[in-house]
Every structure is written in C-alpha cells, then in structure tokens.
Amino acid sequence: MARVAVTRLREGRDIAAVLRGRRQRAGRFAVVHVRTDRAVGPPRIAVVASRRVGTAVSRNRCKRLLREAARGLPWRHGVDVVLIARAGCAVSQLAPVREELAELARSLDALDAA
C-alpha cells in the first residue's frame, strides 16, 4: 500500500463542487464527500468542523484527527475529498477514526485497490 502525497483543498468553489456532487457516506465521526472526475493530480482533502461539533478546542482537535487519519490512507489520484467532522469525533482516538474513514472511503471507491 503506497502512501500518496495529499494536498489540501483550499478554494471555496472547489469545496462547494465536491459537496454538490452528492457522493457521500456518513459515519459516527465524520461525513465523507467525494468527487472523482479530476483525471490528474494528487488527491486533495478539505476538513470542515462546524460549531455544532463543540468549542474551538474540540473543532480543532477533530480537524487534526481527521487530517491525520486521512494522511495514512492510499487515496486515488485525482480525487477530491471533503471531511465534515461530527460531534463524536471530539472524544475519539485516532485508531477508530482512521478505521471508519477507511471504510467510508472504500465504500465510495476513493481508495486505491492495492
């Protein structure tokens, strides 16, 4: 399983395009939105946490956890991913978050098969 360099998805219009794509799966810790129509380039990931998750400390912890969990996965080239944190993420550890994120991404066909 080769690790692919992941870049951050920063532009609001790109994030909005992924959210409009309607390819999503929800879990206890996050909602994963995927867009796979880019043919080339490294995978790009954005992490979002709303105030519903909790205080600023909780939101930032969730974003760090999700970023770290996503960093270790073999994403397909050209995929754009938006991870939306849920409240359960704030009190979780890295291992269950990574496990759930891998399962959700696999169900959306966003990971390399190798």
PDB file of N, CA and C in Angstrom:
ATOM      1  N   MET A   1       0.848  -1.169   0.000  1.00  0.00           N
ATOM      2  CA  MET A   1       0.000   0.000   0.000  1.00  0.00           C
ATOM      3  C   MET A   1       0.899   1.239   0.000  1.00  0.00           C
ATOM      4  N   ALA A   2       1.042   1.856  -1.136  1.00  0.00           N
ATOM      5  CA  ALA A   2       1.887   3.039  -1.241  1.00  0.00           C
ATOM      6  C   ALA A   2       1.145   4.275  -0.758  1.00  0.00           C
ATOM      7  N   ARG A   3       1.868   5.063  -0.001  1.00  0.00           N
ATOM      8  CA  ARG A   3       1.269   6.289   0.529  1.00  0.00           C
ATOM      9  C   ARG A   3       1.419   7.398  -0.495  1.00  0.00           C
ATOM     10  N   VAL A   4       0.341   8.083  -0.805  1.00  0.00           N
ATOM     11  CA  VAL A   4       0.323   9.129  -1.817  1.00  0.00           C
ATOM     12  C   VAL A   4       0.367  10.484  -1.125  1.00  0.00           C
ATOM     13  N   ALA A   5       1.129  11.401  -1.699  1.00  0.00           N
ATOM     14  CA  ALA A   5       1.179  12.749  -1.147  1.00  0.00           C
ATOM     15  C   ALA A   5      -0.184  13.408  -1.333  1.00  0.00           C
ATOM     16  N   VAL A   6      -0.731  13.914  -0.239  1.00  0.00           N
ATOM     17  CA  VAL A   6      -2.054  14.530  -0.251  1.00  0.00           C
ATOM     18  C   VAL A   6      -1.888  16.031  -0.088  1.00  0.00           C
ATOM     19  N   THR A   7      -2.597  16.798  -0.911  1.00  0.00           N
ATOM     20  CA  THR A   7      -2.576  18.244  -0.764  1.00  0.00           C
ATOM     21  C   THR A   7      -3.896  18.698  -0.179  1.00  0.00           C
ATOM     22  N   ARG A   8      -3.939  19.951   0.245  1.00  0.00           N
ATOM     23  CA  ARG A   8      -5.159  20.471   0.851  1.00  0.00           C
ATOM     24  C   ARG A   8      -6.033  21.139  -0.197  1.00  0.00           C
ATOM     25  N   LEU A   9      -7.307  20.899  -0.081  1.00  0.00           N
ATOM     26  CA  LEU A   9      -8.314  21.526  -0.937  1.00  0.00           C
ATOM     27  C   LEU A   9      -8.697  22.827  -0.255  1.00  0.00           C
ATOM     28  N   ARG A  10      -8.347  23.969  -0.841  1.00  0.00           N
ATOM     29  CA  ARG A  10      -8.492  25.248  -0.152  1.00  0.00           C
ATOM     30  C   ARG A  10      -9.567  26.169  -0.719  1.00  0.00           C
ATOM     31  N   GLU A  11      -9.786  26.116  -1.998  1.00  0.00           N
ATOM     32  CA  GLU A  11     -10.715  27.050  -2.639  1.00  0.00           C
ATOM     33  C   GLU A  11     -12.165  26.723  -2.296  1.00  0.00           C
ATOM     34  N   GLY A  12     -12.918  27.722  -1.932  1.00  0.00           N
ATOM     35  CA  GLY A  12     -14.323  27.537  -1.586  1.00  0.00           C
ATOM     36  C   GLY A  12     -15.138  26.967  -2.721  1.00  0.00           C
ATOM     37  N   ARG A  13     -14.833  27.382  -3.938  1.00  0.00           N
ATOM     38  CA  ARG A  13     -15.609  26.875  -5.084  1.00  0.00           C
ATOM     39  C   ARG A  13     -15.325  25.394  -5.330  1.00  0.00           C
ATOM     40  N   ASP A  14     -14.082  24.951  -5.039  1.00  0.00           N
ATOM     41  CA  ASP A  14     -13.760  23.538  -5.190  1.00  0.00           C
ATOM     42  C   ASP A  14     -14.449  22.693  -4.119  1.00  0.00           C
ATOM     43  N   ILE A  15     -14.482  23.204  -2.910  1.00  0.00           N
ATOM     44  CA  ILE A  15     -15.171  22.510  -1.817  1.00  0.00           C
ATOM     45  C   ILE A  15     -16.661  22.424  -2.121  1.00  0.00           C
ATOM     46  N   ALA A  16     -17.231  23.515  -2.606  1.00  0.00           N
ATOM     47  CA  ALA A  16     -18.658  23.527  -2.957  1.00  0.00           C
ATOM     48  C   ALA A  16     -18.961  22.532  -4.074  1.00  0.00           C
ATOM     49  N   ALA A  17     -18.053  22.394  -5.035  1.00  0.00           N
ATOM     50  CA  ALA A  17     -18.263  21.438  -6.128  1.00  0.00           C
ATOM     51  C   ALA A  17     -18.277  20.005  -5.603  1.00  0.00           C
ATOM     52  N   VAL A  18     -17.432  19.699  -4.638  1.00  0.00           N
ATOM     53  CA  VAL A  18     -17.426  18.361  -4.052  1.00  0.00           C
ATOM     54  C   VAL A  18     -18.729  18.122  -3.294  1.00  0.00           C
ATOM     55  N   LEU A  19     -19.178  19.109  -2.540  1.00  0.00           N
ATOM     56  CA  LEU A  19     -20.409  18.956  -1.759  1.00  0.00           C
ATOM     57  C   LEU A  19     -21.634  18.836  -2.660  1.00  0.00           C
ATOM     58  N   ARG A  20     -21.613  19.483  -3.826  1.00  0.00           N
ATOM     59  CA  ARG A  20     -22.731  19.371  -4.775  1.00  0.00           C
ATOM     60  C   ARG A  20     -22.769  18.009  -5.465  1.00  0.00           C
ATOM     61  N   GLY A  21     -21.634  17.303  -5.453  1.00  0.00           N
ATOM     62  CA  GLY A  21     -21.529  16.044  -6.176  1.00  0.00           C
ATOM     63  C   GLY A  21     -22.428  14.934  -5.676  1.00  0.00           C
ATOM     64  N   ARG A  22     -22.928  15.016  -4.457  1.00  0.00           N
ATOM     65  CA  ARG A  22     -23.887  14.060  -3.887  1.00  0.00           C
ATOM     66  C   ARG A  22     -23.323  12.672  -3.652  1.00  0.00           C
ATOM     67  N   ARG A  23     -22.013  12.480  -3.719  1.00  0.00           N
ATOM     68  CA  ARG A  23     -21.438  11.183  -3.363  1.00  0.00           C
ATOM     69  C   ARG A  23     -20.921  11.308  -1.950  1.00  0.00           C
ATOM     70  N   GLN A  24     -21.649  10.717  -1.018  1.00  0.00           N
ATOM     71  CA  GLN A  24     -21.287  10.872   0.382  1.00  0.00           C
ATOM     72  C   GLN A  24     -21.657   9.633   1.187  1.00  0.00           C
ATOM     73  N   ARG A  25     -20.950   9.474   2.293  1.00  0.00           N
ATOM     74  CA  ARG A  25     -21.262   8.440   3.277  1.00  0.00           C
ATOM     75  C   ARG A  25     -21.056   9.062   4.650  1.00  0.00           C
ATOM     76  N   ALA A  26     -21.907   8.699   5.584  1.00  0.00           N
ATOM     77  CA  ALA A  26     -21.826   9.248   6.939  1.00  0.00           C
ATOM     78  C   ALA A  26     -21.498   8.143   7.922  1.00  0.00           C
ATOM     79  N   GLY A  27     -20.684   8.493   8.905  1.00  0.00           N
ATOM     80  CA  GLY A  27     -20.335   7.586   9.978  1.00  0.00           C
ATOM     81  C   GLY A  27     -20.526   8.282  11.317  1.00  0.00           C
ATOM     82  N   ARG A  28     -20.030   7.672  12.379  1.00  0.00           N
ATOM     83  CA  ARG A  28     -20.160   8.275  13.707  1.00  0.00           C
ATOM     84  C   ARG A  28     -19.272   9.495  13.866  1.00  0.00           C
ATOM     85  N   PHE A  29     -18.100   9.483  13.211  1.00  0.00           N
ATOM     86  CA  PHE A  29     -17.111  10.529  13.437  1.00  0.00           C
ATOM     87  C   PHE A  29     -17.059  11.583  12.337  1.00  0.00           C
ATOM     88  N   ALA A  30     -17.492  11.237  11.123  1.00  0.00           N
ATOM     89  CA  ALA A  30     -17.373  12.178  10.011  1.00  0.00           C
ATOM     90  C   ALA A  30     -18.337  11.819   8.888  1.00  0.00           C
ATOM     91  N   VAL A  31     -18.575  12.810   8.041  1.00  0.00           N
ATOM     92  CA  VAL A  31     -19.287  12.608   6.789  1.00  0.00           C
ATOM     93  C   VAL A  31     -18.248  12.813   5.687  1.00  0.00           C
ATOM     94  N   VAL A  32     -18.151  11.852   4.767  1.00  0.00           N
ATOM     95  CA  VAL A  32     -17.153  11.903   3.709  1.00  0.00           C
ATOM     96  C   VAL A  32     -17.852  12.206   2.392  1.00  0.00           C
ATOM     97  N   HIS A  33     -17.434  13.294   1.735  1.00  0.00           N
ATOM     98  CA  HIS A  33     -17.927  13.669   0.416  1.00  0.00           C
ATOM     99  C   HIS A  33     -16.783  13.475  -0.565  1.00  0.00           C
ATOM    100  N   VAL A  34     -17.062  12.864  -1.728  1.00  0.00           N
ATOM    101  CA  VAL A  34     -16.010  12.555  -2.692  1.00  0.00           C
ATOM    102  C   VAL A  34     -16.419  13.010  -4.083  1.00  0.00           C
ATOM    103  N   ARG A  35     -15.427  13.515  -4.804  1.00  0.00           N
ATOM    104  CA  ARG A  35     -15.594  13.862  -6.224  1.00  0.00           C
ATOM    105  C   ARG A  35     -14.417  13.254  -6.960  1.00  0.00           C
ATOM    106  N   THR A  36     -14.686  12.449  -7.983  1.00  0.00           N
ATOM    107  CA  THR A  36     -13.620  11.706  -8.657  1.00  0.00           C
ATOM    108  C   THR A  36     -13.455  12.082 -10.122  1.00  0.00           C
ATOM    109  N   ASP A  37     -13.988  13.192 -10.572  1.00  0.00           N
ATOM    110  CA  ASP A  37     -13.931  13.493 -12.002  1.00  0.00           C
ATOM    111  C   ASP A  37     -12.665  14.230 -12.452  1.00  0.00           C
ATOM    112  N   ARG A  38     -11.748  14.538 -11.536  1.00  0.00           N
ATOM    113  CA  ARG A  38     -10.460  15.102 -11.947  1.00  0.00           C
ATOM    114  C   ARG A  38      -9.593  13.958 -12.437  1.00  0.00           C
ATOM    115  N   ALA A  39      -9.008  14.080 -13.605  1.00  0.00           N
ATOM    116  CA  ALA A  39      -8.244  12.973 -14.172  1.00  0.00           C
ATOM    117  C   ALA A  39      -6.821  12.894 -13.635  1.00  0.00           C
ATOM    118  N   VAL A  40      -6.205  14.023 -13.360  1.00  0.00           N
ATOM    119  CA  VAL A  40      -4.801  14.018 -12.956  1.00  0.00           C
ATOM    120  C   VAL A  40      -4.610  14.811 -11.676  1.00  0.00           C
ATOM    121  N   GLY A  41      -3.441  14.650 -11.104  1.00  0.00           N
ATOM    122  CA  GLY A  41      -3.095  15.415  -9.921  1.00  0.00           C
ATOM    123  C   GLY A  41      -3.219  14.598  -8.655  1.00  0.00           C
ATOM    124  N   PRO A  42      -2.587  15.081  -7.604  1.00  0.00           N
ATOM    125  CA  PRO A  42      -2.651  14.357  -6.338  1.00  0.00           C
ATOM    126  C   PRO A  42      -4.029  14.485  -5.697  1.00  0.00           C
ATOM    127  N   PRO A  43      -4.360  13.608  -4.779  1.00  0.00           N
ATOM    128  CA  PRO A  43      -5.636  13.753  -4.067  1.00  0.00           C
ATOM    129  C   PRO A  43      -5.624  15.032  -3.238  1.00  0.00           C
ATOM    130  N   ARG A  44      -6.785  15.680  -3.160  1.00  0.00           N
ATOM    131  CA  ARG A  44      -6.906  16.911  -2.370  1.00  0.00           C
ATOM    132  C   ARG A  44      -7.983  16.702  -1.319  1.00  0.00           C
ATOM    133  N   ILE A  45      -7.690  17.150  -0.092  1.00  0.00           N
ATOM    134  CA  ILE A  45      -8.604  16.918   1.026  1.00  0.00           C
ATOM    135  C   ILE A  45      -8.852  18.220   1.773  1.00  0.00           C
ATOM    136  N   ALA A  46     -10.124  18.462   2.126  1.00  0.00           N
ATOM    137  CA  ALA A  46     -10.505  19.575   2.991  1.00  0.00           C
ATOM    138  C   ALA A  46     -11.205  18.989   4.211  1.00  0.00           C
ATOM    139  N   VAL A  47     -10.954  19.585   5.371  1.00  0.00           N
ATOM    140  CA  VAL A  47     -11.592  19.146   6.615  1.00  0.00           C
ATOM    141  C   VAL A  47     -12.375  20.314   7.180  1.00  0.00           C
ATOM    142  N   VAL A  48     -13.636  20.071   7.508  1.00  0.00           N
ATOM    143  CA  VAL A  48     -14.533  21.108   7.992  1.00  0.00           C
ATOM    144  C   VAL A  48     -15.142  20.662   9.315  1.00  0.00           C
ATOM    145  N   ALA A  49     -15.247  21.589  10.265  1.00  0.00           N
ATOM    146  CA  ALA A  49     -15.904  21.305  11.541  1.00  0.00           C
ATOM    147  C   ALA A  49     -16.756  22.515  11.904  1.00  0.00           C
ATOM    148  N   SER A  50     -18.053  22.312  12.023  1.00  0.00           N
ATOM    149  CA  SER A  50     -18.946  23.417  12.348  1.00  0.00           C
ATOM    150  C   SER A  50     -19.034  23.615  13.863  1.00  0.00           C
ATOM    151  N   ARG A  51     -19.691  24.656  14.275  1.00  0.00           N
ATOM    152  CA  ARG A  51     -19.858  24.934  15.705  1.00  0.00           C
ATOM    153  C   ARG A  51     -20.676  23.864  16.414  1.00  0.00           C
ATOM    154  N   ARG A  52     -21.428  23.115  15.651  1.00  0.00           N
ATOM    155  CA  ARG A  52     -22.230  22.045  16.234  1.00  0.00           C
ATOM    156  C   ARG A  52     -21.346  20.973  16.883  1.00  0.00           C
ATOM    157  N   VAL A  53     -20.086  20.876  16.438  1.00  0.00           N
ATOM    158  CA  VAL A  53     -19.155  19.899  16.991  1.00  0.00           C
ATOM    159  C   VAL A  53     -18.788  20.252  18.423  1.00  0.00           C
ATOM    160  N   GLY A  54     -18.673  21.542  18.717  1.00  0.00           N
ATOM    161  CA  GLY A  54     -18.327  21.947  20.077  1.00  0.00           C
ATOM    162  C   GLY A  54     -17.520  23.230  20.087  1.00  0.00           C
ATOM    163  N   THR A  55     -16.728  23.385  21.123  1.00  0.00           N
ATOM    164  CA  THR A  55     -15.913  24.589  21.278  1.00  0.00           C
ATOM    165  C   THR A  55     -14.795  24.604  20.229  1.00  0.00           C
ATOM    166  N   ALA A  56     -14.072  25.711  20.163  1.00  0.00           N
ATOM    167  CA  ALA A  56     -12.978  25.837  19.208  1.00  0.00           C
ATOM    168  C   ALA A  56     -11.917  24.766  19.441  1.00  0.00           C
ATOM    169  N   VAL A  57     -11.667  24.441  20.694  1.00  0.00           N
ATOM    170  CA  VAL A  57     -10.692  23.400  21.016  1.00  0.00           C
ATOM    171  C   VAL A  57     -11.153  22.056  20.453  1.00  0.00           C
ATOM    172  N   SER A  58     -12.418  21.731  20.618  1.00  0.00           N
ATOM    173  CA  SER A  58     -12.974  20.471  20.103  1.00  0.00           C
ATOM    174  C   SER A  58     -12.943  20.435  18.582  1.00  0.00           C
ATOM    175  N   ARG A  59     -13.318  21.536  17.957  1.00  0.00           N
ATOM    176  CA  ARG A  59     -13.317  21.596  16.492  1.00  0.00           C
ATOM    177  C   ARG A  59     -11.908  21.398  15.942  1.00  0.00           C
ATOM    178  N   ASN A  60     -10.939  22.054  16.534  1.00  0.00           N
ATOM    179  CA  ASN A  60      -9.567  21.919  16.057  1.00  0.00           C
ATOM    180  C   ASN A  60      -9.024  20.514  16.295  1.00  0.00           C
ATOM    181  N   ARG A  61      -9.378  19.906  17.416  1.00  0.00           N
ATOM    182  CA  ARG A  61      -8.962  18.533  17.683  1.00  0.00           C
ATOM    183  C   ARG A  61      -9.553  17.580  16.645  1.00  0.00           C
ATOM    184  N   CYS A  62     -10.831  17.784  16.320  1.00  0.00           N
ATOM    185  CA  CYS A  62     -11.478  16.955  15.300  1.00  0.00           C
ATOM    186  C   CYS A  62     -10.776  17.099  13.955  1.00  0.00           C
ATOM    187  N   LYS A  63     -10.463  18.324  13.590  1.00  0.00           N
ATOM    188  CA  LYS A  63      -9.798  18.549  12.303  1.00  0.00           C
ATOM    189  C   LYS A  63      -8.415  17.901  12.277  1.00  0.00           C
ATOM    190  N   ARG A  64      -7.674  18.004  13.369  1.00  0.00           N
ATOM    191  CA  ARG A  64      -6.357  17.356  13.431  1.00  0.00           C
ATOM    192  C   ARG A  64      -6.478  15.839  13.322  1.00  0.00           C
ATOM    193  N   LEU A  65      -7.441  15.273  14.046  1.00  0.00           N
ATOM    194  CA  LEU A  65      -7.661  13.826  13.991  1.00  0.00           C
ATOM    195  C   LEU A  65      -8.017  13.361  12.579  1.00  0.00           C
ATOM    196  N   LEU A  66      -8.943  14.057  11.945  1.00  0.00           N
ATOM    197  CA  LEU A  66      -9.368  13.665  10.604  1.00  0.00           C
ATOM    198  C   LEU A  66      -8.243  13.825   9.592  1.00  0.00           C
ATOM    199  N   ARG A  67      -7.471  14.904   9.703  1.00  0.00           N
ATOM    200  CA  ARG A  67      -6.328  15.099   8.789  1.00  0.00           C
ATOM    201  C   ARG A  67      -5.315  13.974   8.939  1.00  0.00           C
ATOM    202  N   GLU A  68      -5.012  13.626  10.178  1.00  0.00           N
ATOM    203  CA  GLU A  68      -4.042  12.555  10.422  1.00  0.00           C
ATOM    204  C   GLU A  68      -4.587  11.210   9.944  1.00  0.00           C
ATOM    205  N   ALA A  69      -5.855  10.948  10.170  1.00  0.00           N
ATOM    206  CA  ALA A  69      -6.458   9.692   9.716  1.00  0.00           C
ATOM    207  C   ALA A  69      -6.446   9.609   8.193  1.00  0.00           C
ATOM    208  N   ALA A  70      -6.714  10.708   7.524  1.00  0.00           N
ATOM    209  CA  ALA A  70      -6.737  10.734   6.062  1.00  0.00           C
ATOM    210  C   ALA A  70      -5.339  10.625   5.479  1.00  0.00           C
ATOM    211  N   ARG A  71      -4.351  11.137   6.193  1.00  0.00           N
ATOM    212  CA  ARG A  71      -2.978  11.143   5.699  1.00  0.00           C
ATOM    213  C   ARG A  71      -2.447   9.732   5.481  1.00  0.00           C
ATOM    214  N   GLY A  72      -2.888   8.782   6.254  1.00  0.00           N
ATOM    215  CA  GLY A  72      -2.357   7.427   6.154  1.00  0.00           C
ATOM    216  C   GLY A  72      -3.071   6.531   5.153  1.00  0.00           C
ATOM    217  N   LEU A  73      -4.039   7.042   4.434  1.00  0.00           N
ATOM    218  CA  LEU A  73      -4.812   6.203   3.509  1.00  0.00           C
ATOM    219  C   LEU A  73      -4.301   6.332   2.075  1.00  0.00           C
ATOM    220  N   PRO A  74      -4.407   5.253   1.276  1.00  0.00           N
ATOM    221  CA  PRO A  74      -3.944   5.280  -0.120  1.00  0.00           C
ATOM    222  C   PRO A  74      -5.005   5.843  -1.063  1.00  0.00           C
ATOM    223  N   TRP A  75      -5.175   7.138  -1.095  1.00  0.00           N
ATOM    224  CA  TRP A  75      -6.198   7.784  -1.922  1.00  0.00           C
ATOM    225  C   TRP A  75      -5.876   7.621  -3.400  1.00  0.00           C
ATOM    226  N   ARG A  76      -6.916   7.562  -4.225  1.00  0.00           N
ATOM    227  CA  ARG A  76      -6.752   7.523  -5.683  1.00  0.00           C
ATOM    228  C   ARG A  76      -6.236   8.871  -6.168  1.00  0.00           C
ATOM    229  N   HIS A  77      -5.489   8.862  -7.257  1.00  0.00           N
ATOM    230  CA  HIS A  77      -5.047  10.110  -7.864  1.00  0.00           C
ATOM    231  C   HIS A  77      -6.249  10.832  -8.461  1.00  0.00           C
ATOM    232  N   GLY A  78      -6.289  12.132  -8.318  1.00  0.00           N
ATOM    233  CA  GLY A  78      -7.346  12.943  -8.907  1.00  0.00           C
ATOM    234  C   GLY A  78      -8.620  13.027  -8.098  1.00  0.00           C
ATOM    235  N   VAL A  79      -8.646  12.490  -6.898  1.00  0.00           N
ATOM    236  CA  VAL A  79      -9.864  12.523  -6.091  1.00  0.00           C
ATOM    237  C   VAL A  79      -9.863  13.767  -5.194  1.00  0.00           C
ATOM    238  N   ASP A  80     -11.025  14.379  -5.052  1.00  0.00           N
ATOM    239  CA  ASP A  80     -11.223  15.485  -4.116  1.00  0.00           C
ATOM    240  C   ASP A  80     -12.123  14.984  -2.997  1.00  0.00           C
ATOM    241  N   VAL A  81     -11.730  15.256  -1.750  1.00  0.00           N
ATOM    242  CA  VAL A  81     -12.457  14.748  -0.597  1.00  0.00           C
ATOM    243  C   VAL A  81     -12.719  15.895   0.374  1.00  0.00           C
ATOM    244  N   VAL A  82     -13.955  15.970   0.881  1.00  0.00           N
ATOM    245  CA  VAL A  82     -14.289  16.901   1.959  1.00  0.00           C
ATOM    246  C   VAL A  82     -14.759  16.060   3.133  1.00  0.00           C
ATOM    247  N   LEU A  83     -14.091  16.240   4.267  1.00  0.00           N
ATOM    248  CA  LEU A  83     -14.444  15.531   5.501  1.00  0.00           C
ATOM    249  C   LEU A  83     -15.128  16.512   6.432  1.00  0.00           C
ATOM    250  N   ILE A  84     -16.348  16.210   6.831  1.00  0.00           N
ATOM    251  CA  ILE A  84     -17.094  17.062   7.749  1.00  0.00           C
ATOM    252  C   ILE A  84     -17.154  16.348   9.095  1.00  0.00           C
ATOM    253  N   ALA A  85     -16.568  16.981  10.099  1.00  0.00           N
ATOM    254  CA  ALA A  85     -16.491  16.375  11.432  1.00  0.00           C
ATOM    255  C   ALA A  85     -17.867  16.315  12.081  1.00  0.00           C
ATOM    256  N   ARG A  86     -18.085  15.247  12.845  1.00  0.00           N
ATOM    257  CA  ARG A  86     -19.297  15.112  13.641  1.00  0.00           C
ATOM    258  C   ARG A  86     -18.896  15.153  15.111  1.00  0.00           C
ATOM    259  N   ALA A  87     -19.866  15.361  15.980  1.00  0.00           N
ATOM    260  CA  ALA A  87     -19.591  15.570  17.405  1.00  0.00           C
ATOM    261  C   ALA A  87     -18.858  14.399  18.049  1.00  0.00           C
ATOM    262  N   GLY A  88     -19.099  13.183  17.621  1.00  0.00           N
ATOM    263  CA  GLY A  88     -18.443  12.021  18.200  1.00  0.00           C
ATOM    264  C   GLY A  88     -16.936  12.017  18.012  1.00  0.00           C
ATOM    265  N   CYS A  89     -16.471  12.728  17.030  1.00  0.00           N
ATOM    266  CA  CYS A  89     -15.044  12.785  16.738  1.00  0.00           C
ATOM    267  C   CYS A  89     -14.260  13.478  17.850  1.00  0.00           C
ATOM    268  N   ALA A  90     -14.876  14.411  18.537  1.00  0.00           N
ATOM    269  CA  ALA A  90     -14.184  15.220  19.542  1.00  0.00           C
ATOM    270  C   ALA A  90     -13.692  14.396  20.725  1.00  0.00           C
ATOM    271  N   VAL A  91     -14.318  13.280  21.002  1.00  0.00           N
ATOM    272  CA  VAL A  91     -13.934  12.469  22.161  1.00  0.00           C
ATOM    273  C   VAL A  91     -13.337  11.125  21.760  1.00  0.00           C
ATOM    274  N   SER A  92     -12.981  10.978  20.491  1.00  0.00           N
ATOM    275  CA  SER A  92     -12.469   9.713  19.999  1.00  0.00           C
ATOM    276  C   SER A  92     -10.948   9.709  19.922  1.00  0.00           C
ATOM    277  N   GLN A  93     -10.414   8.521  19.669  1.00  0.00           N
ATOM    278  CA  GLN A  93      -8.977   8.331  19.455  1.00  0.00           C
ATOM    279  C   GLN A  93      -8.724   8.151  17.954  1.00  0.00           C
ATOM    280  N   LEU A  94      -7.464   8.172  17.562  1.00  0.00           N
ATOM    281  CA  LEU A  94      -7.094   8.105  16.152  1.00  0.00           C
ATOM    282  C   LEU A  94      -7.472   6.778  15.494  1.00  0.00           C
ATOM    283  N   ALA A  95      -7.235   5.663  16.145  1.00  0.00           N
ATOM    284  CA  ALA A  95      -7.460   4.347  15.526  1.00  0.00           C
ATOM    285  C   ALA A  95      -8.901   4.138  15.050  1.00  0.00           C
ATOM    286  N   PRO A  96      -9.921   4.377  15.878  1.00  0.00           N
ATOM    287  CA  PRO A  96     -11.284   4.173  15.370  1.00  0.00           C
ATOM    288  C   PRO A  96     -11.672   5.178  14.288  1.00  0.00           C
ATOM    289  N   VAL A  97     -11.138   6.387  14.372  1.00  0.00           N
ATOM    290  CA  VAL A  97     -11.443   7.390  13.339  1.00  0.00           C
ATOM    291  C   VAL A  97     -10.835   6.952  12.013  1.00  0.00           C
ATOM    292  N   ARG A  98      -9.586   6.488  12.043  1.00  0.00           N
ATOM    293  CA  ARG A  98      -8.915   6.035  10.816  1.00  0.00           C
ATOM    294  C   ARG A  98      -9.637   4.826  10.222  1.00  0.00           C
ATOM    295  N   GLU A  99     -10.055   3.907  11.083  1.00  0.00           N
ATOM    296  CA  GLU A  99     -10.763   2.710  10.633  1.00  0.00           C
ATOM    297  C   GLU A  99     -12.074   3.070   9.934  1.00  0.00           C
ATOM    298  N   GLU A 100     -12.845   3.952  10.568  1.00  0.00           N
ATOM    299  CA  GLU A 100     -14.124   4.356   9.972  1.00  0.00           C
ATOM    300  C   GLU A 100     -13.919   5.127   8.680  1.00  0.00           C
ATOM    301  N   LEU A 101     -12.941   6.010   8.654  1.00  0.00           N
ATOM    302  CA  LEU A 101     -12.668   6.802   7.463  1.00  0.00           C
ATOM    303  C   LEU A 101     -12.265   5.900   6.295  1.00  0.00           C
ATOM    304  N   ALA A 102     -11.455   4.890   6.568  1.00  0.00           N
ATOM    305  CA  ALA A 102     -11.053   3.941   5.522  1.00  0.00           C
ATOM    306  C   ALA A 102     -12.264   3.179   4.988  1.00  0.00           C
ATOM    307  N   GLU A 103     -13.140   2.766   5.885  1.00  0.00           N
ATOM    308  CA  GLU A 103     -14.343   2.030   5.475  1.00  0.00           C
ATOM    309  C   GLU A 103     -15.261   2.899   4.610  1.00  0.00           C
ATOM    310  N   LEU A 104     -15.465   4.146   5.022  1.00  0.00           N
ATOM    311  CA  LEU A 104     -16.332   5.049   4.264  1.00  0.00           C
ATOM    312  C   LEU A 104     -15.725   5.372   2.899  1.00  0.00           C
ATOM    313  N   ALA A 105     -14.418   5.628   2.870  1.00  0.00           N
ATOM    314  CA  ALA A 105     -13.745   5.945   1.601  1.00  0.00           C
ATOM    315  C   ALA A 105     -13.756   4.744   0.664  1.00  0.00           C
ATOM    316  N   ARG A 106     -13.585   3.542   1.213  1.00  0.00           N
ATOM    317  CA  ARG A 106     -13.628   2.335   0.398  1.00  0.00           C
ATOM    318  C   ARG A 106     -15.017   2.156  -0.227  1.00  0.00           C
ATOM    319  N   SER A 107     -16.066   2.451   0.545  1.00  0.00           N
ATOM    320  CA  SER A 107     -17.418   2.297   0.022  1.00  0.00           C
ATOM    321  C   SER A 107     -17.724   3.317  -1.069  1.00  0.00           C
ATOM    322  N   LEU A 108     -16.989   4.429  -1.079  1.00  0.00           N
ATOM    323  CA  LEU A 108     -17.153   5.447  -2.128  1.00  0.00           C
ATOM    324  C   LEU A 108     -16.165   5.243  -3.277  1.00  0.00           C
ATOM    325  N   ASP A 109     -15.372   4.184  -3.221  1.00  0.00           N
ATOM    326  CA  ASP A 109     -14.379   3.862  -4.249  1.00  0.00           C
ATOM    327  C   ASP A 109     -13.361   5.012  -4.413  1.00  0.00           C
ATOM    328  N   ALA A 110     -12.917   5.556  -3.298  1.00  0.00           N
ATOM    329  CA  ALA A 110     -11.957   6.661  -3.327  1.00  0.00           C
ATOM    330  C   ALA A 110     -10.551   6.215  -2.991  1.00  0.00           C
ATOM    331  N   LEU A 111     -10.380   4.935  -2.653  1.00  0.00           N
ATOM    332  CA  LEU A 111      -9.061   4.427  -2.294  1.00  0.00           C
ATOM    333  C   LEU A 111      -8.543   3.516  -3.392  1.00  0.00           C
ATOM    334  N   ASP A 112      -7.198   3.467  -3.523  1.00  0.00           N
ATOM    335  CA  ASP A 112      -6.585   2.526  -4.457  1.00  0.00           C
ATOM    336  C   ASP A 112      -6.794   1.118  -3.952  1.00  0.00           C
ATOM    337  N   ALA A 113      -6.943   0.204  -4.865  1.00  0.00           N
ATOM    338  CA  ALA A 113      -7.206  -1.196  -4.508  1.00  0.00           C
ATOM    339  C   ALA A 113      -5.972  -1.884  -3.950  1.00  0.00           C
ATOM    340  N   ALA A 114      -4.808  -1.427  -4.306  1.00  0.00           N
ATOM    341  CA  ALA A 114      -3.556  -2.096  -3.902  1.00  0.00           C
ATOM    342  C   ALA A 114      -3.295  -2.029  -2.452  1.00  0.00           C
TER     343      ALA A 114
END
